Amino acid sequence: MDGLPPRALGLFPQAAVSKGHENATAENGPWVITLDAPSYFLVQHAKNRALREELYRAYLSRASSGDLDNTAIIDQILKLRLEKAKLLGYNNYAEVSMTMKMTIVEKAAELLEKLRSASWDPTVRDMEDLKNSAKSQCVEESDSLMIFRVFNDFKLVLEQLNGRF
């Protein structure tokens, strides 16, 4: 739990108390770490890289395997949305959704492409600068910019490049 701000650390014993650990404290635990948003502070602040990676990967794959796998439900929802769109005379559900937002799919796609094209080259340059700065400061695996690493391992580098980010 090293590296977590006190307000974040205080959330974990609260979760532990709700799970029956009546004597849980921020200082001594036990802590209950879930995949809820408050636990995501760990990815951002914890010094333990393995813990950050484990939480990050678990968060990305939540509800996608085992008893909690909701892939079939999502597939069914998507099929029903397409069926609804076809019954209403649309080509896909995006067109149905856009009618409620006073726009059309093509305009939304055009806006997204403008944003992507305007931001792509600067983002690539920023990532290269971040990698190069990390290498110059001997940050381990500086070519690997996984999100669970950037927040903590590259913190100093990010602070030095802060004027650009």
N, C-alpha and C. Protein backbone atom coordinates (compact mmCIF):
# COMPACT_ATOMS: atom_id res chain seq x y z
N MET A 1 0.83 -1.19 0.00
CA MET A 1 0.00 0.00 0.00
C MET A 1 0.88 1.26 0.00
N ASP A 2 2.18 1.02 -0.05
CA ASP A 2 3.12 2.12 -0.06
C ASP A 2 2.91 3.00 -1.28
N GLY A 3 2.83 4.31 -1.06
CA GLY A 3 2.67 5.26 -2.15
C GLY A 3 1.26 5.81 -2.29
N LEU A 4 0.30 5.18 -1.64
CA LEU A 4 -1.08 5.66 -1.75
C LEU A 4 -1.30 6.89 -0.89
N PRO A 5 -2.04 7.87 -1.42
CA PRO A 5 -2.38 9.02 -0.58
C PRO A 5 -3.32 8.58 0.55
N PRO A 6 -3.26 9.25 1.70
CA PRO A 6 -4.08 8.85 2.85
C PRO A 6 -5.57 8.71 2.54
N ARG A 7 -6.11 9.62 1.73
CA ARG A 7 -7.55 9.53 1.46
C ARG A 7 -7.88 8.27 0.68
N ALA A 8 -6.97 7.82 -0.19
CA ALA A 8 -7.20 6.57 -0.93
C ALA A 8 -7.04 5.38 0.00
N LEU A 9 -6.03 5.42 0.83
CA LEU A 9 -5.78 4.31 1.76
C LEU A 9 -6.95 4.11 2.71
N GLY A 10 -7.64 5.17 3.05
CA GLY A 10 -8.78 5.09 3.94
C GLY A 10 -9.97 4.35 3.36
N LEU A 11 -10.03 4.21 2.05
CA LEU A 11 -11.16 3.52 1.42
C LEU A 11 -11.12 2.01 1.62
N PHE A 12 -9.93 1.46 1.67
CA PHE A 12 -9.79 0.00 1.70
C PHE A 12 -10.24 -0.63 3.02
N PRO A 13 -9.95 -0.02 4.18
CA PRO A 13 -10.50 -0.60 5.41
C PRO A 13 -12.02 -0.47 5.48
N GLN A 14 -12.58 0.57 4.87
CA GLN A 14 -14.04 0.70 4.83
C GLN A 14 -14.65 -0.49 4.11
N ALA A 15 -14.04 -0.87 3.00
CA ALA A 15 -14.52 -2.04 2.25
C ALA A 15 -14.34 -3.30 3.08
N ALA A 16 -13.25 -3.38 3.83
CA ALA A 16 -13.01 -4.55 4.68
C ALA A 16 -14.06 -4.65 5.78
N VAL A 17 -14.40 -3.51 6.38
CA VAL A 17 -15.43 -3.51 7.43
C VAL A 17 -16.75 -4.01 6.85
N SER A 18 -17.08 -3.57 5.65
CA SER A 18 -18.34 -4.02 5.03
C SER A 18 -18.33 -5.51 4.72
N LYS A 19 -17.14 -6.12 4.69
CA LYS A 19 -17.01 -7.56 4.43
C LYS A 19 -16.81 -8.35 5.73
N GLY A 20 -16.99 -7.67 6.89
CA GLY A 20 -16.94 -8.38 8.15
C GLY A 20 -15.65 -8.24 8.94
N HIS A 21 -14.70 -7.45 8.47
CA HIS A 21 -13.44 -7.23 9.20
C HIS A 21 -13.60 -5.97 10.05
N GLU A 22 -14.21 -6.11 11.20
CA GLU A 22 -14.60 -4.98 12.03
C GLU A 22 -13.45 -4.11 12.50
N ASN A 23 -12.26 -4.67 12.66
CA ASN A 23 -11.12 -3.92 13.21
C ASN A 23 -10.18 -3.40 12.13
N ALA A 24 -10.62 -3.36 10.90
CA ALA A 24 -9.76 -2.90 9.80
C ALA A 24 -9.42 -1.42 9.97
N THR A 25 -8.15 -1.09 9.71
CA THR A 25 -7.70 0.31 9.78
C THR A 25 -6.89 0.64 8.53
N ALA A 26 -6.78 1.92 8.25
CA ALA A 26 -6.00 2.37 7.10
C ALA A 26 -4.53 2.01 7.26
N GLU A 27 -4.04 2.07 8.49
CA GLU A 27 -2.62 1.82 8.75
C GLU A 27 -2.26 0.34 8.72
N ASN A 28 -3.10 -0.50 9.29
CA ASN A 28 -2.75 -1.90 9.50
C ASN A 28 -3.59 -2.91 8.74
N GLY A 29 -4.62 -2.44 8.01
CA GLY A 29 -5.48 -3.37 7.30
C GLY A 29 -6.39 -4.11 8.25
N PRO A 30 -6.96 -5.22 7.85
CA PRO A 30 -6.85 -5.72 6.48
C PRO A 30 -7.58 -4.80 5.52
N TRP A 31 -7.14 -4.82 4.29
CA TRP A 31 -7.73 -3.99 3.25
C TRP A 31 -8.45 -4.89 2.26
N VAL A 32 -9.55 -4.42 1.75
CA VAL A 32 -10.26 -5.11 0.69
C VAL A 32 -10.15 -4.26 -0.56
N ILE A 33 -9.53 -4.84 -1.57
CA ILE A 33 -9.35 -4.13 -2.84
C ILE A 33 -10.31 -4.76 -3.84
N THR A 34 -11.16 -3.92 -4.40
CA THR A 34 -12.15 -4.39 -5.37
C THR A 34 -11.81 -3.83 -6.74
N LEU A 35 -12.67 -4.07 -7.69
CA LEU A 35 -12.49 -3.49 -9.01
C LEU A 35 -13.34 -2.25 -9.19
N ASP A 36 -13.87 -1.72 -8.10
CA ASP A 36 -14.62 -0.47 -8.14
C ASP A 36 -13.66 0.69 -8.37
N ALA A 37 -14.20 1.79 -8.84
CA ALA A 37 -13.37 2.96 -9.18
C ALA A 37 -12.43 3.41 -8.07
N PRO A 38 -12.84 3.49 -6.80
CA PRO A 38 -11.89 3.96 -5.78
C PRO A 38 -10.62 3.11 -5.67
N SER A 39 -10.74 1.83 -5.92
CA SER A 39 -9.56 0.96 -5.85
C SER A 39 -8.57 1.26 -6.96
N TYR A 40 -9.03 1.94 -7.99
CA TYR A 40 -8.15 2.23 -9.11
C TYR A 40 -7.03 3.20 -8.73
N PHE A 41 -7.14 3.83 -7.55
CA PHE A 41 -6.04 4.65 -7.02
C PHE A 41 -4.74 3.84 -6.97
N LEU A 42 -4.88 2.54 -6.74
CA LEU A 42 -3.69 1.68 -6.67
C LEU A 42 -2.89 1.73 -7.96
N VAL A 43 -3.57 1.69 -9.09
CA VAL A 43 -2.88 1.71 -10.38
C VAL A 43 -2.11 3.01 -10.54
N GLN A 44 -2.67 4.06 -10.00
CA GLN A 44 -2.07 5.38 -10.15
C GLN A 44 -0.95 5.64 -9.15
N HIS A 45 -1.05 5.12 -7.93
CA HIS A 45 -0.13 5.54 -6.88
C HIS A 45 0.73 4.46 -6.22
N ALA A 46 0.28 3.24 -6.19
CA ALA A 46 1.02 2.22 -5.44
C ALA A 46 2.41 2.02 -6.02
N LYS A 47 3.39 1.83 -5.14
CA LYS A 47 4.76 1.62 -5.59
C LYS A 47 5.01 0.18 -6.04
N ASN A 48 4.16 -0.73 -5.62
CA ASN A 48 4.30 -2.14 -5.96
C ASN A 48 3.80 -2.38 -7.38
N ARG A 49 4.73 -2.52 -8.33
CA ARG A 49 4.39 -2.66 -9.74
C ARG A 49 3.54 -3.91 -9.99
N ALA A 50 3.86 -5.02 -9.34
CA ALA A 50 3.11 -6.26 -9.55
C ALA A 50 1.65 -6.08 -9.12
N LEU A 51 1.43 -5.38 -8.01
CA LEU A 51 0.07 -5.12 -7.54
C LEU A 51 -0.66 -4.22 -8.53
N ARG A 52 0.01 -3.19 -9.02
CA ARG A 52 -0.61 -2.30 -10.00
C ARG A 52 -1.00 -3.06 -11.25
N GLU A 53 -0.10 -3.90 -11.73
CA GLU A 53 -0.39 -4.67 -12.95
C GLU A 53 -1.55 -5.65 -12.72
N GLU A 54 -1.53 -6.33 -11.58
CA GLU A 54 -2.59 -7.30 -11.29
C GLU A 54 -3.96 -6.61 -11.27
N LEU A 55 -4.05 -5.47 -10.62
CA LEU A 55 -5.32 -4.74 -10.56
C LEU A 55 -5.72 -4.24 -11.94
N TYR A 56 -4.77 -3.71 -12.68
CA TYR A 56 -5.05 -3.20 -14.02
C TYR A 56 -5.61 -4.31 -14.92
N ARG A 57 -4.94 -5.44 -14.94
CA ARG A 57 -5.38 -6.55 -15.79
C ARG A 57 -6.73 -7.12 -15.33
N ALA A 58 -6.93 -7.21 -14.03
CA ALA A 58 -8.21 -7.69 -13.50
C ALA A 58 -9.33 -6.71 -13.87
N TYR A 59 -9.05 -5.42 -13.79
CA TYR A 59 -10.05 -4.40 -14.12
C TYR A 59 -10.45 -4.51 -15.59
N LEU A 60 -9.47 -4.69 -16.46
CA LEU A 60 -9.76 -4.78 -17.89
C LEU A 60 -10.55 -6.03 -18.25
N SER A 61 -10.35 -7.10 -17.51
CA SER A 61 -10.99 -8.37 -17.86
C SER A 61 -12.18 -8.71 -16.97
N ARG A 62 -12.64 -7.75 -16.16
CA ARG A 62 -13.76 -8.03 -15.26
C ARG A 62 -14.99 -8.46 -16.06
N ALA A 63 -15.74 -9.37 -15.48
CA ALA A 63 -16.99 -9.89 -16.06
C ALA A 63 -16.79 -10.53 -17.44
N SER A 64 -15.61 -11.10 -17.68
CA SER A 64 -15.37 -11.70 -18.99
C SER A 64 -14.95 -13.17 -18.91
N SER A 65 -14.99 -13.76 -17.72
CA SER A 65 -14.67 -15.18 -17.60
C SER A 65 -15.31 -15.77 -16.36
N GLY A 66 -15.36 -17.08 -16.31
CA GLY A 66 -15.88 -17.77 -15.13
C GLY A 66 -17.37 -17.52 -14.92
N ASP A 67 -17.77 -17.59 -13.67
CA ASP A 67 -19.19 -17.43 -13.31
C ASP A 67 -19.73 -16.04 -13.62
N LEU A 68 -18.85 -15.05 -13.68
CA LEU A 68 -19.29 -13.67 -13.90
C LEU A 68 -19.21 -13.24 -15.37
N ASP A 69 -18.91 -14.15 -16.25
CA ASP A 69 -18.78 -13.83 -17.67
C ASP A 69 -20.13 -13.38 -18.23
N ASN A 70 -20.19 -12.14 -18.69
CA ASN A 70 -21.44 -11.64 -19.24
C ASN A 70 -21.36 -11.45 -20.76
N THR A 71 -20.40 -12.10 -21.41
CA THR A 71 -20.23 -11.98 -22.86
C THR A 71 -21.50 -12.38 -23.61
N ALA A 72 -22.13 -13.48 -23.21
CA ALA A 72 -23.34 -13.93 -23.90
C ALA A 72 -24.47 -12.90 -23.76
N ILE A 73 -24.56 -12.28 -22.59
CA ILE A 73 -25.60 -11.27 -22.37
C ILE A 73 -25.33 -10.06 -23.27
N ILE A 74 -24.09 -9.63 -23.35
CA ILE A 74 -23.74 -8.49 -24.20
C ILE A 74 -24.03 -8.82 -25.66
N ASP A 75 -23.67 -10.03 -26.09
CA ASP A 75 -23.98 -10.45 -27.47
C ASP A 75 -25.48 -10.39 -27.74
N GLN A 76 -26.28 -10.85 -26.80
CA GLN A 76 -27.74 -10.83 -26.95
C GLN A 76 -28.25 -9.40 -27.03
N ILE A 77 -27.73 -8.51 -26.18
CA ILE A 77 -28.14 -7.11 -26.21
C ILE A 77 -27.82 -6.49 -27.57
N LEU A 78 -26.62 -6.78 -28.10
CA LEU A 78 -26.24 -6.23 -29.40
C LEU A 78 -27.14 -6.75 -30.51
N LYS A 79 -27.48 -8.03 -30.46
CA LYS A 79 -28.39 -8.61 -31.48
C LYS A 79 -29.76 -7.96 -31.39
N LEU A 80 -30.26 -7.77 -30.17
CA LEU A 80 -31.57 -7.13 -30.00
C LEU A 80 -31.55 -5.67 -30.44
N ARG A 81 -30.47 -4.98 -30.20
CA ARG A 81 -30.37 -3.59 -30.67
C ARG A 81 -30.39 -3.52 -32.19
N LEU A 82 -29.68 -4.43 -32.84
CA LEU A 82 -29.68 -4.47 -34.30
C LEU A 82 -31.08 -4.80 -34.81
N GLU A 83 -31.73 -5.75 -34.18
CA GLU A 83 -33.09 -6.12 -34.59
C GLU A 83 -34.03 -4.92 -34.44
N LYS A 84 -33.92 -4.21 -33.33
CA LYS A 84 -34.74 -3.02 -33.11
C LYS A 84 -34.49 -1.98 -34.21
N ALA A 85 -33.21 -1.75 -34.50
CA ALA A 85 -32.87 -0.77 -35.54
C ALA A 85 -33.50 -1.16 -36.87
N LYS A 86 -33.37 -2.41 -37.25
CA LYS A 86 -33.93 -2.88 -38.53
C LYS A 86 -35.45 -2.71 -38.55
N LEU A 87 -36.12 -3.05 -37.44
CA LEU A 87 -37.57 -2.91 -37.35
C LEU A 87 -38.00 -1.45 -37.49
N LEU A 88 -37.16 -0.54 -37.02
CA LEU A 88 -37.46 0.89 -37.11
C LEU A 88 -37.00 1.53 -38.42
N GLY A 89 -36.38 0.72 -39.29
CA GLY A 89 -35.98 1.22 -40.59
C GLY A 89 -34.58 1.80 -40.65
N TYR A 90 -33.76 1.52 -39.66
CA TYR A 90 -32.38 2.00 -39.64
C TYR A 90 -31.43 0.87 -40.03
N ASN A 91 -30.22 1.22 -40.41
CA ASN A 91 -29.21 0.22 -40.78
C ASN A 91 -28.54 -0.43 -39.58
N ASN A 92 -28.46 0.34 -38.48
CA ASN A 92 -27.78 -0.17 -37.28
C ASN A 92 -28.25 0.62 -36.06
N TYR A 93 -27.84 0.17 -34.88
CA TYR A 93 -28.29 0.81 -33.65
C TYR A 93 -27.67 2.20 -33.47
N ALA A 94 -26.49 2.42 -34.02
CA ALA A 94 -25.87 3.75 -33.91
C ALA A 94 -26.78 4.81 -34.52
N GLU A 95 -27.43 4.48 -35.64
CA GLU A 95 -28.35 5.45 -36.25
C GLU A 95 -29.54 5.73 -35.33
N VAL A 96 -30.04 4.72 -34.66
CA VAL A 96 -31.15 4.91 -33.71
C VAL A 96 -30.69 5.82 -32.58
N SER A 97 -29.54 5.53 -32.03
CA SER A 97 -29.00 6.30 -30.92
C SER A 97 -28.78 7.75 -31.32
N MET A 98 -28.28 7.99 -32.50
CA MET A 98 -27.99 9.36 -32.94
C MET A 98 -29.25 10.19 -33.12
N THR A 99 -30.36 9.57 -33.47
CA THR A 99 -31.60 10.35 -33.63
C THR A 99 -32.00 11.00 -32.31
N MET A 100 -31.67 10.36 -31.21
CA MET A 100 -32.00 10.92 -29.90
C MET A 100 -30.99 11.99 -29.49
N LYS A 101 -29.89 12.10 -30.22
CA LYS A 101 -28.84 13.05 -29.87
C LYS A 101 -28.75 14.19 -30.89
N MET A 102 -29.71 14.26 -31.76
CA MET A 102 -29.83 15.32 -32.76
C MET A 102 -28.60 15.42 -33.66
N THR A 103 -28.09 14.28 -34.08
CA THR A 103 -26.99 14.24 -35.03
C THR A 103 -27.13 12.96 -35.84
N ILE A 104 -26.18 12.73 -36.73
CA ILE A 104 -26.18 11.50 -37.52
C ILE A 104 -24.82 10.82 -37.36
N VAL A 105 -24.79 9.54 -37.63
CA VAL A 105 -23.58 8.75 -37.45
C VAL A 105 -22.41 9.35 -38.23
N GLU A 106 -22.66 9.77 -39.45
CA GLU A 106 -21.58 10.30 -40.29
C GLU A 106 -20.94 11.54 -39.67
N LYS A 107 -21.75 12.42 -39.10
CA LYS A 107 -21.21 13.64 -38.45
C LYS A 107 -20.40 13.27 -37.20
N ALA A 108 -20.88 12.33 -36.43
CA ALA A 108 -20.13 11.89 -35.25
C ALA A 108 -18.81 11.25 -35.67
N ALA A 109 -18.84 10.42 -36.70
CA ALA A 109 -17.61 9.78 -37.20
C ALA A 109 -16.65 10.83 -37.73
N GLU A 110 -17.18 11.84 -38.41
CA GLU A 110 -16.34 12.92 -38.94
C GLU A 110 -15.65 13.67 -37.80
N LEU A 111 -16.38 13.97 -36.74
CA LEU A 111 -15.79 14.65 -35.58
C LEU A 111 -14.70 13.79 -34.94
N LEU A 112 -14.98 12.51 -34.76
CA LEU A 112 -13.98 11.62 -34.16
C LEU A 112 -12.73 11.54 -35.03
N GLU A 113 -12.90 11.51 -36.33
CA GLU A 113 -11.73 11.46 -37.23
C GLU A 113 -10.93 12.76 -37.15
N LYS A 114 -11.60 13.90 -37.05
CA LYS A 114 -10.90 15.17 -36.88
C LYS A 114 -10.07 15.17 -35.60
N LEU A 115 -10.67 14.71 -34.53
CA LEU A 115 -9.96 14.63 -33.26
C LEU A 115 -8.76 13.69 -33.34
N ARG A 116 -8.98 12.52 -33.95
CA ARG A 116 -7.92 11.53 -34.07
C ARG A 116 -6.77 12.08 -34.92
N SER A 117 -7.09 12.64 -36.06
CA SER A 117 -6.01 13.11 -36.95
C SER A 117 -5.26 14.29 -36.35
N ALA A 118 -5.94 15.17 -35.62
CA ALA A 118 -5.28 16.31 -35.00
C ALA A 118 -4.40 15.90 -33.82
N SER A 119 -4.76 14.82 -33.14
CA SER A 119 -4.03 14.44 -31.94
C SER A 119 -2.99 13.34 -32.15
N TRP A 120 -3.06 12.62 -33.26
CA TRP A 120 -2.20 11.45 -33.45
C TRP A 120 -0.71 11.80 -33.43
N ASP A 121 -0.26 12.67 -34.30
CA ASP A 121 1.17 12.99 -34.39
C ASP A 121 1.72 13.59 -33.10
N PRO A 122 1.02 14.55 -32.47
CA PRO A 122 1.54 15.06 -31.19
C PRO A 122 1.60 13.97 -30.12
N THR A 123 0.66 13.07 -30.11
CA THR A 123 0.66 11.99 -29.12
C THR A 123 1.84 11.05 -29.34
N VAL A 124 2.10 10.71 -30.59
CA VAL A 124 3.24 9.84 -30.90
C VAL A 124 4.54 10.52 -30.48
N ARG A 125 4.67 11.82 -30.76
CA ARG A 125 5.87 12.55 -30.34
C ARG A 125 6.01 12.57 -28.82
N ASP A 126 4.90 12.84 -28.13
CA ASP A 126 4.94 12.86 -26.66
C ASP A 126 5.35 11.51 -26.09
N MET A 127 4.84 10.43 -26.67
CA MET A 127 5.19 9.09 -26.18
C MET A 127 6.67 8.81 -26.42
N GLU A 128 7.18 9.21 -27.55
CA GLU A 128 8.61 9.02 -27.83
C GLU A 128 9.46 9.84 -26.87
N ASP A 129 9.05 11.07 -26.61
CA ASP A 129 9.77 11.91 -25.63
C ASP A 129 9.75 11.25 -24.26
N LEU A 130 8.61 10.72 -23.87
CA LEU A 130 8.49 10.06 -22.57
C LEU A 130 9.41 8.85 -22.51
N LYS A 131 9.41 8.03 -23.55
CA LYS A 131 10.29 6.85 -23.58
C LYS A 131 11.76 7.25 -23.53
N ASN A 132 12.13 8.24 -24.32
CA ASN A 132 13.53 8.68 -24.36
C ASN A 132 13.97 9.26 -23.01
N SER A 133 13.11 10.05 -22.39
CA SER A 133 13.45 10.61 -21.08
C SER A 133 13.58 9.49 -20.05
N ALA A 134 12.68 8.51 -20.13
CA ALA A 134 12.74 7.38 -19.19
C ALA A 134 14.04 6.61 -19.39
N LYS A 135 14.43 6.38 -20.64
CA LYS A 135 15.68 5.67 -20.92
C LYS A 135 16.87 6.45 -20.37
N SER A 136 16.86 7.77 -20.57
CA SER A 136 17.99 8.58 -20.10
C SER A 136 18.11 8.58 -18.58
N GLN A 137 17.00 8.28 -17.90
CA GLN A 137 17.02 8.21 -16.44
C GLN A 137 17.05 6.77 -15.94
N CYS A 138 17.34 5.86 -16.86
CA CYS A 138 17.50 4.43 -16.53
C CYS A 138 16.26 3.82 -15.89
N VAL A 139 15.09 4.23 -16.34
CA VAL A 139 13.85 3.61 -15.87
C VAL A 139 13.76 2.24 -16.52
N GLU A 140 13.53 1.21 -15.69
CA GLU A 140 13.42 -0.16 -16.19
C GLU A 140 12.34 -0.26 -17.27
N GLU A 141 12.62 -1.06 -18.29
CA GLU A 141 11.65 -1.35 -19.35
C GLU A 141 11.00 -0.07 -19.87
N SER A 142 11.80 0.93 -20.18
CA SER A 142 11.26 2.22 -20.59
C SER A 142 10.51 2.17 -21.91
N ASP A 143 10.67 1.10 -22.68
CA ASP A 143 9.90 0.97 -23.91
C ASP A 143 8.49 0.47 -23.66
N SER A 144 8.23 -0.03 -22.46
CA SER A 144 6.93 -0.60 -22.13
C SER A 144 6.10 0.44 -21.38
N LEU A 145 5.21 1.10 -22.07
CA LEU A 145 4.43 2.17 -21.46
C LEU A 145 3.01 1.71 -21.14
N MET A 146 2.88 0.65 -20.39
CA MET A 146 1.56 0.20 -19.95
C MET A 146 1.05 1.20 -18.92
N ILE A 147 -0.24 1.42 -18.91
CA ILE A 147 -0.82 2.44 -18.03
C ILE A 147 -0.48 2.20 -16.56
N PHE A 148 -0.43 0.95 -16.14
CA PHE A 148 -0.11 0.68 -14.73
C PHE A 148 1.32 1.04 -14.41
N ARG A 149 2.16 1.24 -15.44
CA ARG A 149 3.55 1.64 -15.21
C ARG A 149 3.71 3.14 -15.32
N VAL A 150 3.01 3.77 -16.24
CA VAL A 150 3.22 5.19 -16.51
C VAL A 150 2.98 6.03 -15.27
N PHE A 151 1.89 5.77 -14.56
CA PHE A 151 1.54 6.62 -13.42
C PHE A 151 2.63 6.65 -12.36
N ASN A 152 3.29 5.53 -12.13
CA ASN A 152 4.24 5.49 -11.02
C ASN A 152 5.67 5.43 -11.51
N ASP A 153 6.01 4.46 -12.33
CA ASP A 153 7.40 4.29 -12.76
C ASP A 153 7.93 5.51 -13.50
N PHE A 154 7.07 6.17 -14.23
CA PHE A 154 7.49 7.31 -15.02
C PHE A 154 7.09 8.64 -14.39
N LYS A 155 6.73 8.60 -13.12
CA LYS A 155 6.25 9.81 -12.44
C LYS A 155 7.25 10.96 -12.54
N LEU A 156 8.50 10.69 -12.25
CA LEU A 156 9.51 11.73 -12.31
C LEU A 156 9.66 12.27 -13.73
N VAL A 157 9.68 11.36 -14.68
CA VAL A 157 9.80 11.77 -16.08
C VAL A 157 8.60 12.62 -16.47
N LEU A 158 7.41 12.19 -16.08
CA LEU A 158 6.21 12.97 -16.39
C LEU A 158 6.27 14.36 -15.76
N GLU A 159 6.77 14.43 -14.54
CA GLU A 159 6.89 15.72 -13.88
C GLU A 159 7.85 16.63 -14.64
N GLN A 160 8.95 16.05 -15.14
CA GLN A 160 9.92 16.85 -15.87
C GLN A 160 9.38 17.31 -17.22
N LEU A 161 8.53 16.49 -17.81
CA LEU A 161 7.94 16.84 -19.10
C LEU A 161 6.59 17.54 -18.95
N ASN A 162 6.23 17.88 -17.73
CA ASN A 162 4.90 18.38 -17.42
C ASN A 162 4.48 19.55 -18.30
N GLY A 163 5.37 20.36 -18.70
CA GLY A 163 5.03 21.48 -19.55
C GLY A 163 4.44 21.06 -20.89
N ARG A 164 4.72 19.83 -21.28
CA ARG A 164 4.24 19.34 -22.57
C ARG A 164 3.00 18.48 -22.44
N PHE A 165 2.64 18.06 -21.22
CA PHE A 165 1.51 17.14 -21.06
C PHE A 165 0.34 17.83 -20.40
